[in-house]
Amino acid sequence: MRATASLSQDVYQEAQRQAQREGMSLAATLGALVEEALAARARLVGLSTSPRTGLPVFLLPGTVTAEQAARLIDENI
């Protein structure tokens, strides 16, 4: 898929250097970097997809009780 994006000069130059080091095109390098960033973000947040519903779910350390959820909703967090 093709897309157009605006990059800062610093990001563009670093991506060009990385592409040259790895013997890849700039487009392939940018695609790989975006994929890596999205995967890293998903790991940090613990983002997954429910196999039952297909909806996105957040994996949290520990358990959130109904009381805790109600308190957070009441506090508008």
C-alpha atoms as a PDB file:
ATOM      1  CA  MET A   1       0.000   0.000   0.000  1.00  0.00           C
ATOM      2  CA  ARG A   2       1.275   3.469  -0.790  1.00  0.00           C
ATOM      3  CA  ALA A   3       1.005   6.480   1.499  1.00  0.00           C
ATOM      4  CA  THR A   4       2.403   9.971   1.731  1.00  0.00           C
ATOM      5  CA  ALA A   5       3.820  11.230   5.014  1.00  0.00           C
ATOM      6  CA  SER A   6       5.684  14.307   6.199  1.00  0.00           C
ATOM      7  CA  LEU A   7       8.832  13.676   8.231  1.00  0.00           C
ATOM      8  CA  SER A   8      11.102  16.048  10.069  1.00  0.00           C
ATOM      9  CA  GLN A   9      14.479  16.445   8.439  1.00  0.00           C
ATOM     10  CA  ASP A  10      16.184  14.641  11.338  1.00  0.00           C
ATOM     11  CA  VAL A  11      13.872  11.619  11.076  1.00  0.00           C
ATOM     12  CA  TYR A  12      14.249  11.525   7.293  1.00  0.00           C
ATOM     13  CA  GLN A  13      18.043  11.647   7.465  1.00  0.00           C
ATOM     14  CA  GLU A  14      18.238   8.956  10.149  1.00  0.00           C
ATOM     15  CA  ALA A  15      15.895   6.704   8.173  1.00  0.00           C
ATOM     16  CA  GLN A  16      18.051   7.222   5.065  1.00  0.00           C
ATOM     17  CA  ARG A  17      21.200   6.311   7.015  1.00  0.00           C
ATOM     18  CA  GLN A  18      19.535   3.189   8.404  1.00  0.00           C
ATOM     19  CA  ALA A  19      18.304   2.182   4.940  1.00  0.00           C
ATOM     20  CA  GLN A  20      21.828   2.519   3.540  1.00  0.00           C
ATOM     21  CA  ARG A  21      23.359   0.551   6.440  1.00  0.00           C
ATOM     22  CA  GLU A  22      20.877  -2.287   5.982  1.00  0.00           C
ATOM     23  CA  GLY A  23      20.861  -2.230   2.183  1.00  0.00           C
ATOM     24  CA  MET A  24      17.135  -1.493   2.050  1.00  0.00           C
ATOM     25  CA  SER A  25      15.075   1.103   0.249  1.00  0.00           C
ATOM     26  CA  LEU A  26      13.876   4.086   2.235  1.00  0.00           C
ATOM     27  CA  ALA A  27      10.263   2.940   1.831  1.00  0.00           C
ATOM     28  CA  ALA A  28      11.052  -0.554   3.145  1.00  0.00           C
ATOM     29  CA  THR A  29      12.986   0.915   6.064  1.00  0.00           C
ATOM     30  CA  LEU A  30      10.169   3.287   7.007  1.00  0.00           C
ATOM     31  CA  GLY A  31       7.652   0.443   6.760  1.00  0.00           C
ATOM     32  CA  ALA A  32       9.779  -1.766   9.022  1.00  0.00           C
ATOM     33  CA  LEU A  33      10.246   1.046  11.544  1.00  0.00           C
ATOM     34  CA  VAL A  34       6.498   1.718  11.704  1.00  0.00           C
ATOM     35  CA  GLU A  35       5.766  -2.001  12.152  1.00  0.00           C
ATOM     36  CA  GLU A  36       8.335  -2.229  14.960  1.00  0.00           C
ATOM     37  CA  ALA A  37       6.926   0.850  16.687  1.00  0.00           C
ATOM     38  CA  LEU A  38       3.357  -0.445  16.514  1.00  0.00           C
ATOM     39  CA  ALA A  39       4.382  -3.860  17.844  1.00  0.00           C
ATOM     40  CA  ALA A  40       6.333  -2.241  20.701  1.00  0.00           C
ATOM     41  CA  ARG A  41       3.363  -0.049  21.592  1.00  0.00           C
ATOM     42  CA  ALA A  42       1.034  -3.059  21.617  1.00  0.00           C
ATOM     43  CA  ARG A  43       3.435  -4.911  23.955  1.00  0.00           C
ATOM     44  CA  LEU A  44       3.673  -1.948  26.344  1.00  0.00           C
ATOM     45  CA  VAL A  45      -0.056  -1.451  26.541  1.00  0.00           C
ATOM     46  CA  GLY A  46      -0.817  -5.155  26.461  1.00  0.00           C
ATOM     47  CA  LEU A  47      -3.174  -4.743  23.540  1.00  0.00           C
ATOM     48  CA  SER A  48      -4.734  -7.910  22.224  1.00  0.00           C
ATOM     49  CA  THR A  49      -7.847  -9.074  20.418  1.00  0.00           C
ATOM     50  CA  SER A  50     -10.541 -11.185  22.025  1.00  0.00           C
ATOM     51  CA  PRO A  51     -10.750 -14.516  20.219  1.00  0.00           C
ATOM     52  CA  ARG A  52     -14.432 -14.705  21.153  1.00  0.00           C
ATOM     53  CA  THR A  53     -15.601 -11.259  20.023  1.00  0.00           C
ATOM     54  CA  GLY A  54     -12.771  -9.987  17.825  1.00  0.00           C
ATOM     55  CA  LEU A  55     -12.792  -6.739  19.816  1.00  0.00           C
ATOM     56  CA  PRO A  56      -9.606  -5.121  21.145  1.00  0.00           C
ATOM     57  CA  VAL A  57      -8.831  -5.779  24.809  1.00  0.00           C
ATOM     58  CA  PHE A  58      -6.209  -4.357  27.158  1.00  0.00           C
ATOM     59  CA  LEU A  59      -4.238  -6.813  29.254  1.00  0.00           C
ATOM     60  CA  LEU A  60      -3.598  -5.391  32.715  1.00  0.00           C
ATOM     61  CA  PRO A  61      -1.315  -6.724  35.420  1.00  0.00           C
ATOM     62  CA  GLY A  62      -3.517  -8.192  38.126  1.00  0.00           C
ATOM     63  CA  THR A  63      -7.269  -8.002  38.356  1.00  0.00           C
ATOM     64  CA  VAL A  64      -9.523  -4.967  38.276  1.00  0.00           C
ATOM     65  CA  THR A  65     -12.537  -5.531  40.492  1.00  0.00           C
ATOM     66  CA  ALA A  66     -16.019  -4.242  39.740  1.00  0.00           C
ATOM     67  CA  GLU A  67     -15.679  -1.882  42.701  1.00  0.00           C
ATOM     68  CA  GLN A  68     -12.422  -0.442  41.355  1.00  0.00           C
ATOM     69  CA  ALA A  69     -13.937   0.014  37.903  1.00  0.00           C
ATOM     70  CA  ALA A  70     -17.003   1.737  39.390  1.00  0.00           C
ATOM     71  CA  ARG A  71     -14.781   4.082  41.421  1.00  0.00           C
ATOM     72  CA  LEU A  72     -12.740   4.985  38.338  1.00  0.00           C
ATOM     73  CA  ILE A  73     -15.905   5.671  36.363  1.00  0.00           C
ATOM     74  CA  ASP A  74     -17.232   7.845  39.185  1.00  0.00           C
ATOM     75  CA  GLU A  75     -13.939   9.771  39.250  1.00  0.00           C
ATOM     76  CA  ASN A  76     -14.056  10.209  35.443  1.00  0.00           C
ATOM     77  CA  ILE A  77     -10.670   8.580  34.951  1.00  0.00           C
END
